[in-house]
N, C-alpha and C. Protein backbone atom coordinates (compact mmCIF):
# COMPACT_ATOMS: atom_id res chain seq x y z
N UNK A 1 -9.47 91.45 120.21
CA UNK A 1 -10.37 91.99 119.21
C UNK A 1 -10.98 93.26 120.01
N UNK A 2 -11.04 94.37 118.70
CA UNK A 2 -11.61 95.55 119.35
C UNK A 2 -12.91 95.51 119.54
N UNK A 3 -13.27 97.06 120.33
CA UNK A 3 -14.60 97.15 120.78
C UNK A 3 -15.26 97.29 118.98
N UNK A 4 -14.64 97.84 118.37
CA UNK A 4 -15.55 98.25 116.98
C UNK A 4 -15.75 97.12 116.08
N UNK A 5 -14.59 95.81 116.38
CA UNK A 5 -15.12 94.71 115.66
C UNK A 5 -16.36 93.91 116.41
N UNK A 6 -16.13 93.90 117.56
CA UNK A 6 -17.20 93.33 118.49
C UNK A 6 -18.53 93.69 118.05
N UNK A 7 -18.83 95.13 117.78
CA UNK A 7 -20.04 95.92 117.62
C UNK A 7 -20.59 95.40 116.12
N UNK A 8 -19.29 95.39 115.33
CA UNK A 8 -19.81 94.83 113.56
C UNK A 8 -20.54 93.53 113.71
N UNK A 9 -19.58 92.72 114.53
CA UNK A 9 -20.32 91.08 114.80
C UNK A 9 -21.61 91.12 115.23
N UNK A 10 -21.64 91.84 116.46
CA UNK A 10 -23.15 91.73 117.04
C UNK A 10 -24.27 92.44 115.89
N UNK A 11 -23.95 93.27 115.20
CA UNK A 11 -24.60 94.06 114.30
C UNK A 11 -25.17 93.16 113.33
N UNK A 12 -24.09 92.39 112.78
CA UNK A 12 -24.32 91.42 111.40
C UNK A 12 -25.03 90.16 112.30
N UNK A 13 -24.96 89.62 113.34
CA UNK A 13 -25.60 88.61 113.92
C UNK A 13 -27.15 89.21 114.02
N UNK A 14 -27.58 90.27 114.55
CA UNK A 14 -28.79 90.57 114.61
C UNK A 14 -29.47 90.82 113.46
N UNK A 15 -28.66 91.40 112.38
CA UNK A 15 -29.13 91.43 111.02
C UNK A 15 -29.74 90.13 110.39
N UNK A 16 -28.80 89.30 110.68
CA UNK A 16 -29.13 87.72 110.06
C UNK A 16 -30.32 87.43 110.73
N UNK A 17 -30.25 87.49 112.19
CA UNK A 17 -31.88 86.83 112.76
C UNK A 17 -33.12 87.48 112.64
N UNK A 18 -32.99 88.58 112.13
CA UNK A 18 -33.84 89.51 111.65
C UNK A 18 -34.20 89.28 110.12
N UNK A 19 -33.49 88.87 109.25
CA UNK A 19 -33.89 88.33 107.90
C UNK A 19 -34.48 87.15 108.09
N UNK A 20 -34.01 86.24 108.86
CA UNK A 20 -34.58 84.75 109.17
C UNK A 20 -35.94 84.83 109.57
N UNK A 21 -36.14 85.83 110.57
CA UNK A 21 -37.56 85.75 111.09
C UNK A 21 -38.32 86.40 110.05
N UNK A 22 -37.74 87.28 109.35
CA UNK A 22 -38.56 87.89 108.21
C UNK A 22 -39.30 86.91 107.10
N UNK A 23 -38.30 86.10 106.89
CA UNK A 23 -38.28 84.87 105.77
C UNK A 23 -39.27 83.80 106.43
N UNK A 24 -39.41 83.43 107.61
CA UNK A 24 -40.22 82.85 108.27
C UNK A 24 -41.68 83.30 108.28
N UNK A 25 -41.88 84.67 108.58
CA UNK A 25 -43.10 85.18 108.70
C UNK A 25 -44.04 85.26 107.14
N UNK A 26 -42.68 85.68 105.93
CA UNK A 26 -43.31 85.38 105.06
C UNK A 26 -43.53 84.33 104.45
N UNK A 27 -42.93 83.21 104.83
CA UNK A 27 -43.55 82.01 104.46
C UNK A 27 -44.86 81.51 104.97
N UNK A 28 -45.20 81.93 106.52
CA UNK A 28 -46.43 82.05 107.11
C UNK A 28 -47.73 82.74 106.38
N UNK A 29 -47.30 83.70 106.00
CA UNK A 29 -48.28 84.92 105.28
C UNK A 29 -48.04 84.65 103.73
N UNK A 30 -47.46 83.39 103.02
CA UNK A 30 -47.64 83.63 101.75
C UNK A 30 -49.01 83.64 101.06
N UNK A 31 -49.03 84.58 100.25
CA UNK A 31 -50.52 84.99 99.68
C UNK A 31 -50.74 84.02 98.70
N UNK A 32 -49.69 83.28 98.05
CA UNK A 32 -49.84 82.37 96.98
C UNK A 32 -50.48 80.91 97.46
N UNK A 33 -50.50 80.85 98.80
CA UNK A 33 -51.03 79.62 99.50
C UNK A 33 -52.50 80.02 99.94
N UNK A 34 -53.53 78.99 99.29
CA UNK A 34 -54.96 79.03 99.26
C UNK A 34 -55.26 79.04 101.01
N UNK A 35 -56.37 79.61 101.28
CA UNK A 35 -56.77 79.94 102.52
C UNK A 35 -57.57 78.64 102.47
N UNK A 36 -58.05 78.14 103.99
CA UNK A 36 -58.75 76.96 104.12
C UNK A 36 -60.08 77.22 103.50
N UNK A 37 -60.68 78.35 103.66
CA UNK A 37 -62.12 78.74 102.98
C UNK A 37 -61.83 78.50 101.31
N UNK A 38 -60.58 78.91 100.96
CA UNK A 38 -60.58 78.68 99.42
C UNK A 38 -60.45 77.22 99.10
N UNK A 39 -59.85 76.45 99.99
CA UNK A 39 -59.72 75.09 99.63
C UNK A 39 -60.88 74.38 100.04
N UNK A 40 -61.86 74.57 101.01
CA UNK A 40 -62.87 73.96 101.04
C UNK A 40 -64.36 74.41 100.21
N UNK A 41 -64.08 75.36 99.81
CA UNK A 41 -65.21 75.97 98.76
C UNK A 41 -64.69 75.84 96.97
N UNK A 42 -63.29 76.09 97.01
CA UNK A 42 -62.73 75.83 95.70
C UNK A 42 -63.19 77.45 95.08
N UNK A 43 -62.32 77.83 94.17
CA UNK A 43 -62.57 78.82 93.44
C UNK A 43 -63.86 79.55 92.87
N UNK A 44 -64.75 78.51 92.38
CA UNK A 44 -66.04 78.93 91.94
C UNK A 44 -66.74 79.19 93.12
N UNK A 45 -66.57 78.51 94.34
CA UNK A 45 -67.46 78.72 95.53
C UNK A 45 -67.01 80.17 96.17
N UNK A 46 -65.88 80.54 96.04
CA UNK A 46 -65.64 82.05 96.80
C UNK A 46 -66.12 83.28 95.61
N UNK A 47 -66.17 82.85 94.24
CA UNK A 47 -66.48 83.53 93.34
C UNK A 47 -68.38 83.67 93.63
N UNK A 48 -69.05 82.58 94.03
CA UNK A 48 -70.35 82.23 94.37
C UNK A 48 -70.67 83.32 95.44
N UNK A 49 -70.08 83.18 96.68
CA UNK A 49 -70.12 84.02 97.90
C UNK A 49 -70.14 85.42 97.28
N UNK A 50 -68.87 85.45 96.64
CA UNK A 50 -68.79 87.15 96.31
C UNK A 50 -69.88 87.60 95.42
N UNK A 51 -70.22 86.76 94.48
CA UNK A 51 -71.60 87.41 93.62
C UNK A 51 -72.60 87.39 94.22
N UNK A 52 -73.05 86.46 95.17
CA UNK A 52 -74.45 86.79 95.76
C UNK A 52 -74.44 87.40 97.57
N UNK A 53 -73.49 87.83 97.84
CA UNK A 53 -73.30 88.14 99.32
C UNK A 53 -74.01 89.57 99.49
N UNK A 54 -74.19 90.33 98.22
CA UNK A 54 -75.14 91.74 98.61
C UNK A 54 -74.14 92.94 98.96
N UNK A 55 -73.07 92.57 99.52
CA UNK A 55 -72.54 93.95 99.85
C UNK A 55 -71.09 93.46 100.22
N UNK A 56 -70.15 93.74 100.51
CA UNK A 56 -68.61 93.39 100.82
C UNK A 56 -68.83 92.51 102.06
N UNK A 57 -68.24 91.29 102.14
CA UNK A 57 -67.78 90.71 103.57
C UNK A 57 -66.57 90.15 103.38
N UNK A 58 -65.98 90.10 104.73
CA UNK A 58 -64.66 89.69 104.91
C UNK A 58 -64.74 88.10 105.26
N UNK A 59 -63.73 87.40 104.68
CA UNK A 59 -63.51 85.72 104.78
C UNK A 59 -62.36 85.53 106.06
N UNK A 60 -62.50 84.55 106.90
CA UNK A 60 -61.48 84.17 107.75
C UNK A 60 -61.53 82.94 108.01
N UNK A 61 -60.44 82.17 108.20
CA UNK A 61 -59.96 80.98 108.45
C UNK A 61 -60.24 80.50 109.99
N UNK A 62 -61.09 79.87 110.70
CA UNK A 62 -61.30 79.88 112.00
C UNK A 62 -60.29 79.18 112.70
N UNK A 63 -60.03 78.00 111.93
CA UNK A 63 -58.87 77.12 112.69
C UNK A 63 -58.25 76.34 111.46
N UNK A 64 -57.23 75.40 112.01
CA UNK A 64 -56.51 74.68 111.14
C UNK A 64 -56.93 73.34 110.94
N UNK A 65 -57.16 72.92 109.56
CA UNK A 65 -57.76 71.45 109.56
C UNK A 65 -57.00 70.58 110.25
N UNK A 66 -55.71 70.43 110.25
CA UNK A 66 -55.08 69.65 111.41
C UNK A 66 -55.51 69.60 112.70
N UNK A 67 -55.82 70.48 113.45
CA UNK A 67 -56.69 70.68 114.52
C UNK A 67 -57.98 69.88 114.56
N UNK A 68 -58.55 70.21 113.39
CA UNK A 68 -59.94 69.51 113.51
C UNK A 68 -59.65 67.88 113.39
N UNK A 69 -58.60 67.51 112.61
CA UNK A 69 -58.67 66.22 112.49
C UNK A 69 -57.99 65.40 113.70
N UNK A 70 -57.33 65.98 114.47
CA UNK A 70 -56.61 65.48 115.57
C UNK A 70 -58.22 65.46 116.70
N UNK A 71 -58.69 66.58 116.67
CA UNK A 71 -60.24 66.53 117.49
C UNK A 71 -60.86 65.30 117.23
N UNK A 72 -60.87 64.79 115.86
CA UNK A 72 -62.13 64.04 115.09
C UNK A 72 -61.55 62.67 115.71
N UNK A 73 -59.95 62.33 115.00
CA UNK A 73 -59.50 61.01 115.92
C UNK A 73 -59.63 60.84 117.27
N UNK A 74 -59.46 61.93 118.01
CA UNK A 74 -60.12 61.52 119.68
C UNK A 74 -61.09 61.32 119.75
N UNK A 75 -62.33 62.14 119.40
CA UNK A 75 -63.67 61.54 119.44
C UNK A 75 -63.79 59.99 118.85
N UNK A 76 -63.10 59.82 117.74
CA UNK A 76 -63.44 58.51 117.31
C UNK A 76 -62.91 57.46 118.14
N UNK A 77 -61.74 57.44 118.65
CA UNK A 77 -60.88 56.79 119.27
C UNK A 77 -61.53 56.28 120.97
N UNK A 78 -61.89 57.48 121.29
CA UNK A 78 -62.88 57.34 122.45
C UNK A 78 -64.46 57.01 122.71
N UNK A 79 -64.81 56.85 121.47
CA UNK A 79 -66.35 56.37 121.11
C UNK A 79 -66.24 54.92 121.68
N UNK A 80 -67.44 54.41 122.15
CA UNK A 80 -67.56 53.11 122.72
C UNK A 80 -68.90 52.72 122.23
N UNK A 81 -68.71 51.58 121.04
CA UNK A 81 -69.92 51.40 120.38
C UNK A 81 -71.15 50.50 121.58
N UNK A 82 -70.54 50.11 122.82
CA UNK A 82 -71.40 49.64 123.82
C UNK A 82 -72.24 50.27 124.96
N UNK A 83 -71.71 51.78 124.55
CA UNK A 83 -72.34 52.63 125.23
C UNK A 83 -73.69 53.19 124.54
N UNK A 84 -74.86 53.19 125.12
CA UNK A 84 -76.04 53.64 124.54
C UNK A 84 -76.14 55.25 124.60
N UNK A 85 -75.32 55.95 125.36
CA UNK A 85 -75.66 57.22 125.69
C UNK A 85 -75.07 58.13 124.16
N UNK A 86 -75.86 59.25 123.93
CA UNK A 86 -75.52 59.94 122.79
C UNK A 86 -74.42 60.92 122.97
N UNK A 87 -73.44 60.72 122.21
CA UNK A 87 -72.04 61.51 122.53
C UNK A 87 -72.27 62.98 122.18
N UNK A 88 -71.52 63.65 123.16
CA UNK A 88 -71.38 65.15 123.18
C UNK A 88 -70.48 65.48 122.35
N UNK A 89 -70.06 65.14 121.00
CA UNK A 89 -68.97 65.95 120.15
C UNK A 89 -69.37 67.23 120.07
N UNK A 90 -68.36 67.78 119.80
CA UNK A 90 -68.16 69.34 119.43
C UNK A 90 -67.77 69.54 117.81
N UNK A 91 -68.73 70.29 117.38
CA UNK A 91 -67.82 70.53 115.73
C UNK A 91 -67.19 72.04 116.03
N UNK A 92 -65.97 72.04 114.99
CA UNK A 92 -65.33 73.43 114.97
C UNK A 92 -65.36 74.03 113.63
N UNK A 93 -65.65 75.26 114.04
CA UNK A 93 -65.75 76.36 112.46
C UNK A 93 -64.37 76.42 111.84
N UNK A 94 -64.50 76.15 110.70
CA UNK A 94 -62.96 76.07 109.85
C UNK A 94 -62.91 77.33 109.08
N UNK A 95 -64.24 77.95 108.49
CA UNK A 95 -64.47 79.03 107.66
C UNK A 95 -65.55 79.65 107.83
N UNK A 96 -65.34 81.02 107.81
CA UNK A 96 -66.62 82.21 107.87
C UNK A 96 -66.60 83.25 106.89
N UNK A 97 -67.37 83.78 106.68
CA UNK A 97 -67.80 84.81 105.85
C UNK A 97 -68.77 85.58 106.45
N UNK A 98 -68.43 86.88 107.21
CA UNK A 98 -69.37 87.84 107.50
C UNK A 98 -69.37 89.06 106.69
N UNK A 99 -70.51 89.78 106.68
CA UNK A 99 -70.27 91.12 106.54
C UNK A 99 -70.06 92.08 107.38
N UNK A 100 -69.43 93.05 106.63
CA UNK A 100 -69.17 94.39 107.60
C UNK A 100 -69.79 95.69 106.90
N UNK A 101 -69.34 96.79 107.75
CA UNK A 101 -69.95 98.10 106.98
C UNK A 101 -70.85 98.42 108.24
N UNK A 102 -71.81 99.30 107.67
CA UNK A 102 -73.02 100.29 108.36
C UNK A 102 -74.25 99.36 108.59
N UNK A 103 -74.23 98.39 107.74
CA UNK A 103 -75.71 97.66 107.45
C UNK A 103 -75.93 96.90 108.74
N UNK A 104 -77.11 97.06 109.19
CA UNK A 104 -77.61 96.70 110.50
C UNK A 104 -78.20 95.39 110.17
N UNK A 105 -78.10 94.67 109.08
CA UNK A 105 -78.36 93.43 108.70
C UNK A 105 -77.21 92.57 108.42
N UNK A 106 -76.97 91.89 109.41
CA UNK A 106 -75.46 91.26 109.54
C UNK A 106 -75.88 89.69 108.99
N UNK A 107 -74.93 89.33 107.99
CA UNK A 107 -75.01 87.82 107.61
C UNK A 107 -73.48 87.49 107.74
N UNK A 108 -74.20 85.91 107.65
CA UNK A 108 -72.89 85.05 107.70
C UNK A 108 -72.84 83.62 107.21
N UNK A 109 -71.86 83.17 106.60
CA UNK A 109 -71.76 81.91 105.92
C UNK A 109 -70.42 81.24 106.56
N UNK A 110 -70.85 79.89 107.15
CA UNK A 110 -70.24 79.16 107.83
C UNK A 110 -69.79 77.88 107.72
N UNK A 111 -68.67 77.33 107.71
CA UNK A 111 -68.52 75.91 107.83
C UNK A 111 -67.96 75.42 108.75
N UNK A 112 -68.62 74.31 109.45
CA UNK A 112 -68.00 73.56 110.54
C UNK A 112 -68.01 72.03 110.51
N UNK A 113 -66.57 71.71 111.11
CA UNK A 113 -66.66 70.00 111.13
C UNK A 113 -66.28 69.40 112.25
N UNK A 114 -66.32 68.05 112.09
CA UNK A 114 -66.11 67.44 113.33
C UNK A 114 -66.74 66.07 113.29
N UNK A 115 -66.65 65.51 114.65
CA UNK A 115 -66.93 63.84 114.81
C UNK A 115 -68.84 64.21 114.83
N UNK A 116 -69.86 63.28 114.05
CA UNK A 116 -71.34 63.50 114.63
C UNK A 116 -71.53 62.82 115.37
N UNK A 117 -72.35 63.29 116.05
CA UNK A 117 -73.11 62.36 117.41
C UNK A 117 -74.24 61.66 116.82
N UNK A 118 -74.46 61.84 115.49
CA UNK A 118 -75.54 60.63 114.99
C UNK A 118 -74.77 59.68 114.14
N UNK A 119 -75.03 58.27 114.24
CA UNK A 119 -74.52 57.49 113.26
C UNK A 119 -75.02 57.90 111.86
N UNK A 120 -74.14 56.85 110.82
CA UNK A 120 -74.33 57.41 109.44
C UNK A 120 -75.76 56.80 108.99
N UNK A 121 -76.05 55.72 109.52
CA UNK A 121 -77.50 54.94 109.50
C UNK A 121 -78.81 55.83 109.94
N UNK A 122 -78.43 56.78 110.85
CA UNK A 122 -79.53 57.26 111.39
C UNK A 122 -80.81 58.01 110.49
N UNK A 123 -81.93 57.58 110.94
CA UNK A 123 -83.04 57.97 110.23
C UNK A 123 -83.34 59.38 110.10
N UNK A 124 -82.77 60.27 109.62
CA UNK A 124 -82.68 61.79 109.63
C UNK A 124 -83.93 62.21 109.15
N UNK A 125 -84.76 61.65 108.51
CA UNK A 125 -86.39 62.17 107.89
C UNK A 125 -86.96 62.04 109.19
N UNK A 126 -86.86 61.41 110.43
CA UNK A 126 -87.57 61.35 111.56
C UNK A 126 -87.61 62.73 112.13
N UNK A 127 -86.46 63.41 111.96
CA UNK A 127 -86.28 64.87 112.48
C UNK A 127 -87.48 65.90 112.05
N UNK A 128 -88.10 65.59 111.28
CA UNK A 128 -89.35 66.46 110.92
C UNK A 128 -90.25 66.91 111.93
N UNK A 129 -89.98 65.99 113.27
CA UNK A 129 -90.58 66.25 114.22
C UNK A 129 -89.74 67.52 114.94
N UNK A 130 -88.98 67.87 114.67
CA UNK A 130 -87.82 69.15 114.83
C UNK A 130 -87.95 69.99 113.74
N UNK A 131 -87.69 69.67 112.90
CA UNK A 131 -87.75 70.80 111.86
C UNK A 131 -88.84 70.87 111.26
N UNK A 132 -89.01 72.11 110.25
CA UNK A 132 -90.31 72.12 109.24
C UNK A 132 -90.24 71.11 108.48
N UNK A 133 -88.92 70.69 107.66
CA UNK A 133 -88.84 69.77 106.88
C UNK A 133 -87.60 69.23 106.78
N UNK A 134 -87.15 68.13 106.33
CA UNK A 134 -85.60 67.35 106.35
C UNK A 134 -85.69 66.70 105.32
N UNK A 135 -84.60 66.99 104.12
CA UNK A 135 -84.42 66.30 102.79
C UNK A 135 -83.13 65.23 103.16
N UNK A 136 -83.22 64.49 102.72
CA UNK A 136 -81.84 63.50 102.69
C UNK A 136 -81.46 63.04 101.19
N UNK A 137 -80.12 63.20 100.80
CA UNK A 137 -79.57 62.58 99.46
C UNK A 137 -78.80 61.58 99.93
N UNK A 138 -78.99 60.10 99.72
CA UNK A 138 -77.56 59.40 99.63
C UNK A 138 -76.89 59.49 98.40
N UNK A 139 -75.79 59.90 98.64
CA UNK A 139 -74.63 60.34 97.52
C UNK A 139 -74.20 58.88 96.98
N UNK A 140 -73.71 58.16 97.87
CA UNK A 140 -73.02 56.87 97.65
C UNK A 140 -73.26 55.84 99.05
N UNK A 141 -72.63 54.97 99.26
CA UNK A 141 -72.37 54.14 100.33
C UNK A 141 -71.61 54.91 101.63
N UNK A 142 -70.83 55.76 101.12
CA UNK A 142 -69.95 56.47 102.16
C UNK A 142 -70.47 58.06 102.31
N UNK A 143 -71.32 58.33 101.65
CA UNK A 143 -71.72 59.86 101.90
C UNK A 143 -73.28 60.02 101.94
N UNK A 144 -73.75 60.84 102.89
CA UNK A 144 -75.01 61.46 102.79
C UNK A 144 -75.03 63.09 102.71
N UNK A 145 -76.00 63.47 102.46
CA UNK A 145 -76.26 64.92 102.49
C UNK A 145 -77.80 65.33 103.15
N UNK A 146 -77.56 65.98 104.09
CA UNK A 146 -79.16 66.32 104.78
C UNK A 146 -79.34 67.94 104.84
N UNK A 147 -80.48 68.18 104.25
CA UNK A 147 -81.26 69.72 104.42
C UNK A 147 -82.20 69.81 105.42
N UNK A 148 -82.10 70.76 106.28
CA UNK A 148 -82.70 70.92 107.37
C UNK A 148 -83.32 72.56 107.24
N UNK A 149 -84.45 72.36 107.37
CA UNK A 149 -85.29 73.79 107.22
C UNK A 149 -86.03 74.08 108.48
N UNK A 150 -85.51 74.94 109.33
CA UNK A 150 -86.02 75.28 110.64
C UNK A 150 -86.61 77.05 110.14
N UNK A 151 -88.11 76.94 110.00
CA UNK A 151 -88.37 77.70 109.53
C UNK A 151 -88.24 79.00 108.81
N UNK A 152 -87.52 78.08 107.73
CA UNK A 152 -86.89 79.38 106.77
C UNK A 152 -85.36 79.41 106.81
N UNK A 153 -84.75 78.81 108.04
CA UNK A 153 -83.58 79.06 108.18
C UNK A 153 -82.89 77.62 107.88
N UNK A 154 -81.93 77.71 106.94
CA UNK A 154 -81.64 76.23 106.44
C UNK A 154 -80.39 75.91 106.92
N UNK A 155 -80.23 74.64 107.24
CA UNK A 155 -78.98 73.95 107.60
C UNK A 155 -78.51 72.96 106.60
N UNK A 156 -77.18 72.93 106.00
CA UNK A 156 -76.83 71.88 105.11
C UNK A 156 -75.98 71.06 105.70
N UNK A 157 -75.86 69.62 105.92
CA UNK A 157 -74.85 68.87 106.52
C UNK A 157 -74.36 67.67 105.85
N UNK A 158 -73.49 67.23 105.83
CA UNK A 158 -72.79 66.32 104.91
C UNK A 158 -72.29 65.33 105.93
N UNK A 159 -72.53 63.87 106.01
CA UNK A 159 -72.10 62.67 106.85
C UNK A 159 -71.18 61.98 105.66
N UNK A 160 -69.94 61.90 106.34
CA UNK A 160 -69.10 60.82 105.54
C UNK A 160 -68.13 59.62 106.36
N UNK A 161 -68.21 58.35 105.99
CA UNK A 161 -67.94 57.50 106.75
C UNK A 161 -66.33 57.64 106.73
N UNK A 162 -65.54 57.56 108.03
CA UNK A 162 -64.22 57.77 107.67
C UNK A 162 -63.66 56.85 109.28
N UNK A 163 -63.29 55.99 108.53
CA UNK A 163 -62.46 54.94 109.87
C UNK A 163 -61.09 55.40 109.96
N UNK A 164 -60.89 55.68 111.53
CA UNK A 164 -59.81 56.08 112.34
C UNK A 164 -59.04 54.82 112.64
N UNK A 165 -57.47 54.84 112.53
CA UNK A 165 -56.52 53.61 113.05
C UNK A 165 -56.84 53.79 114.50
N UNK A 166 -56.83 52.60 114.91
CA UNK A 166 -56.90 52.15 116.19
C UNK A 166 -58.44 52.21 116.96
N UNK A 167 -59.27 52.86 116.27
CA UNK A 167 -60.73 52.80 116.68
C UNK A 167 -61.44 51.79 116.35
N UNK A 168 -62.31 51.61 117.15
CA UNK A 168 -63.42 50.47 116.87
C UNK A 168 -63.49 50.00 115.48
N UNK A 169 -63.52 48.88 114.94
CA UNK A 169 -64.03 48.53 113.71
C UNK A 169 -65.45 49.00 113.30
N UNK A 170 -66.36 49.28 114.03
CA UNK A 170 -67.90 50.04 113.62
C UNK A 170 -67.66 51.47 113.81
N UNK A 171 -66.52 52.06 113.96
CA UNK A 171 -66.74 53.64 114.18
C UNK A 171 -67.03 54.34 113.05
N UNK A 172 -66.72 53.66 111.74
CA UNK A 172 -66.61 54.61 110.51
C UNK A 172 -68.28 54.82 110.55
N UNK A 173 -69.29 53.80 110.94
CA UNK A 173 -70.76 53.92 110.94
C UNK A 173 -71.00 54.31 111.97
N UNK A 174 -70.53 54.52 113.38
CA UNK A 174 -71.16 54.97 114.38
C UNK A 174 -70.62 56.32 114.55
N UNK A 175 -69.47 56.66 114.03
CA UNK A 175 -68.95 58.20 114.10
C UNK A 175 -68.40 58.56 112.82
N UNK A 176 -69.59 58.94 112.07
CA UNK A 176 -68.47 59.80 110.86
C UNK A 176 -68.53 60.99 110.88
N UNK A 177 -67.48 61.67 109.84
CA UNK A 177 -67.51 62.80 110.06
C UNK A 177 -68.50 63.78 109.67
N UNK A 178 -69.11 64.91 110.37
CA UNK A 178 -70.10 65.60 110.06
C UNK A 178 -69.57 67.11 109.60
N UNK A 179 -70.09 67.76 108.53
CA UNK A 179 -69.49 68.97 108.09
C UNK A 179 -71.18 69.71 107.79
N UNK A 180 -71.21 70.89 108.53
CA UNK A 180 -72.27 71.70 108.34
C UNK A 180 -72.25 72.80 107.86
N UNK A 181 -73.04 73.61 106.39
CA UNK A 181 -72.70 75.04 106.25
C UNK A 181 -74.15 75.64 106.67
N UNK A 182 -74.04 76.78 107.21
CA UNK A 182 -75.28 77.55 107.47
C UNK A 182 -75.02 78.96 106.76
N UNK A 183 -76.09 79.56 106.33
CA UNK A 183 -75.86 80.60 105.33
C UNK A 183 -76.88 81.75 105.45
N UNK A 184 -76.56 82.67 106.04
CA UNK A 184 -77.60 83.86 106.16
C UNK A 184 -76.98 84.96 105.78
N UNK A 185 -75.89 84.86 104.62
CA UNK A 185 -75.18 85.72 103.95
C UNK A 185 -75.84 85.79 102.27
N UNK A 186 -75.22 84.88 101.51
CA UNK A 186 -75.97 85.13 100.00
C UNK A 186 -77.29 85.16 99.73
N UNK A 187 -78.07 84.95 100.18
CA UNK A 187 -79.45 84.98 99.90
C UNK A 187 -79.74 83.93 98.68
N UNK A 188 -79.14 82.95 98.50
CA UNK A 188 -79.14 82.01 97.58
C UNK A 188 -80.04 81.19 98.06
N UNK A 189 -81.10 80.89 97.32
CA UNK A 189 -81.96 79.70 97.83
C UNK A 189 -82.07 78.51 97.62
N UNK A 190 -81.19 78.07 96.39
CA UNK A 190 -80.87 77.03 95.65
C UNK A 190 -80.17 75.94 96.65
N UNK A 191 -80.89 74.83 97.29
CA UNK A 191 -80.08 74.01 98.03
C UNK A 191 -78.88 73.32 97.36
N UNK A 192 -79.31 72.90 96.27
CA UNK A 192 -78.36 71.85 95.46
C UNK A 192 -77.09 72.92 94.86
N UNK A 193 -76.99 74.05 94.98
CA UNK A 193 -75.71 74.87 95.04
C UNK A 193 -74.98 74.67 96.44
N UNK A 194 -75.81 75.11 97.36
CA UNK A 194 -75.13 74.85 98.88
C UNK A 194 -74.75 73.38 98.99
N UNK A 195 -75.25 72.59 98.63
CA UNK A 195 -74.70 71.14 98.89
C UNK A 195 -73.56 70.71 97.73
N UNK A 196 -73.53 71.50 96.72
CA UNK A 196 -72.79 71.31 96.03
C UNK A 196 -71.24 71.66 96.27
N UNK A 197 -71.19 72.83 97.11
CA UNK A 197 -70.04 73.18 97.65
C UNK A 197 -69.51 72.82 98.77
N UNK A 198 -70.80 72.38 99.96
CA UNK A 198 -70.54 71.31 100.98
C UNK A 198 -69.91 70.18 100.60
N UNK A 199 -70.32 69.72 99.56
CA UNK A 199 -69.72 68.35 99.19
C UNK A 199 -68.12 68.65 98.67
N UNK A 200 -67.95 69.53 98.09
CA UNK A 200 -66.47 69.92 97.75
C UNK A 200 -65.57 70.15 98.89
N UNK A 201 -66.39 70.73 99.85
CA UNK A 201 -65.42 70.99 101.42
C UNK A 201 -65.23 69.48 101.72
N UNK A 202 -66.22 68.85 101.86
CA UNK A 202 -65.92 67.44 102.12
C UNK A 202 -64.89 66.51 101.62
N UNK A 203 -64.90 66.52 100.35
CA UNK A 203 -63.79 65.93 99.42
C UNK A 203 -62.41 66.40 100.21
N UNK A 204 -62.29 67.63 100.38
CA UNK A 204 -60.89 68.48 100.86
C UNK A 204 -60.85 67.85 102.18
N UNK A 205 -61.67 67.87 103.07
CA UNK A 205 -61.87 67.46 104.37
C UNK A 205 -60.98 65.83 104.33
N UNK A 206 -61.68 65.22 103.63
CA UNK A 206 -61.45 63.65 103.69
C UNK A 206 -59.97 63.35 103.15
N UNK A 207 -59.61 64.16 102.14
CA UNK A 207 -58.15 64.06 101.85
C UNK A 207 -57.41 64.41 102.70
N UNK A 208 -57.64 65.48 103.93
CA UNK A 208 -56.77 65.80 104.65
C UNK A 208 -56.80 64.96 105.92
N UNK A 209 -57.84 63.87 106.14
CA UNK A 209 -57.86 63.02 107.17
C UNK A 209 -57.57 61.57 107.49
N UNK A 210 -57.33 61.33 106.11
CA UNK A 210 -56.51 60.00 105.82
C UNK A 210 -57.30 58.77 106.53
N UNK A 211 -58.64 58.81 106.05
CA UNK A 211 -59.50 58.00 106.46
C UNK A 211 -58.75 56.42 105.92
N UNK A 212 -59.03 55.59 106.72
CA UNK A 212 -58.40 53.90 106.31
C UNK A 212 -59.27 53.20 105.63
N UNK A 213 -60.55 53.83 105.32
CA UNK A 213 -61.56 52.93 104.41
C UNK A 213 -61.53 53.74 103.00
N UNK A 214 -60.79 55.10 102.86
CA UNK A 214 -60.76 55.74 101.83
C UNK A 214 -62.48 55.89 101.30
N UNK A 215 -63.28 56.58 101.98
CA UNK A 215 -64.43 56.91 101.58
C UNK A 215 -64.20 57.75 100.28
N UNK A 216 -65.34 57.50 98.84
CA UNK A 216 -65.59 58.13 97.67
C UNK A 216 -66.29 59.21 97.97
N UNK A 217 -65.67 60.54 97.92
CA UNK A 217 -66.70 61.53 97.80
C UNK A 217 -66.46 62.29 96.22
N UNK A 218 -67.42 62.26 95.40
CA UNK A 218 -67.75 62.80 94.35
C UNK A 218 -67.35 64.67 94.46
N UNK A 219 -67.36 64.88 93.37
CA UNK A 219 -67.75 66.37 93.10
C UNK A 219 -68.75 66.95 92.74
N UNK A 220 -69.93 66.11 92.49
CA UNK A 220 -71.05 66.56 91.72
C UNK A 220 -71.90 65.76 92.54
N UNK A 221 -73.27 66.52 92.60
CA UNK A 221 -74.51 65.79 93.32
C UNK A 221 -74.85 64.65 92.54
N UNK A 222 -75.33 63.86 92.93
CA UNK A 222 -76.13 62.79 92.12
C UNK A 222 -77.26 62.96 91.16
N UNK A 223 -77.43 62.69 90.02
CA UNK A 223 -78.72 63.24 89.14
C UNK A 223 -79.66 62.42 89.83
N UNK A 224 -81.03 62.89 89.76
CA UNK A 224 -82.07 62.45 90.29
C UNK A 224 -82.97 62.05 88.98
């Protein structure tokens, strides 16, 4: 084989590797695939944020839902119903919108998910000793929504029973999924709007988490 032939083969091999790498990067960055924020909030939720943000904001997916699922599964399986100590589970931020530019007033809207430190049947209304007010909405036997007002700063949380394989039979009650939305970005004061999009995100998370008990997460808030 001549030196020129070797050079041609080497060049062809390098070109092939570059094409393959480019194809992989293209698949990873496929703009047609919805981001985590888009999956969690839905298109109407994304439009709601853009419509109410007051200025341009950047969105970012903080982590993959697969990582959150693995963390939740680990916490659920390690939970011991005979241990009276309050667990120290940590939630993971999965979606964030934040302002940018020259404005001195920075705002964010974030969504976090993880294992709840509080059981599903916890009397959340008792937290009024901590917060200005607490509102609880029992969506159904699998889902609860809690709004906490900390002197005008609101935190919206959803709790969903999710039984994990190989975990304690009482784990779905003792360690539900907890999702939390915090919003200092949109200026929207309607709690129902926030809870609606939080509920939408919980439905997406439950679909990904493969809960054994198949919890029912509706798309709409219950009528009062």
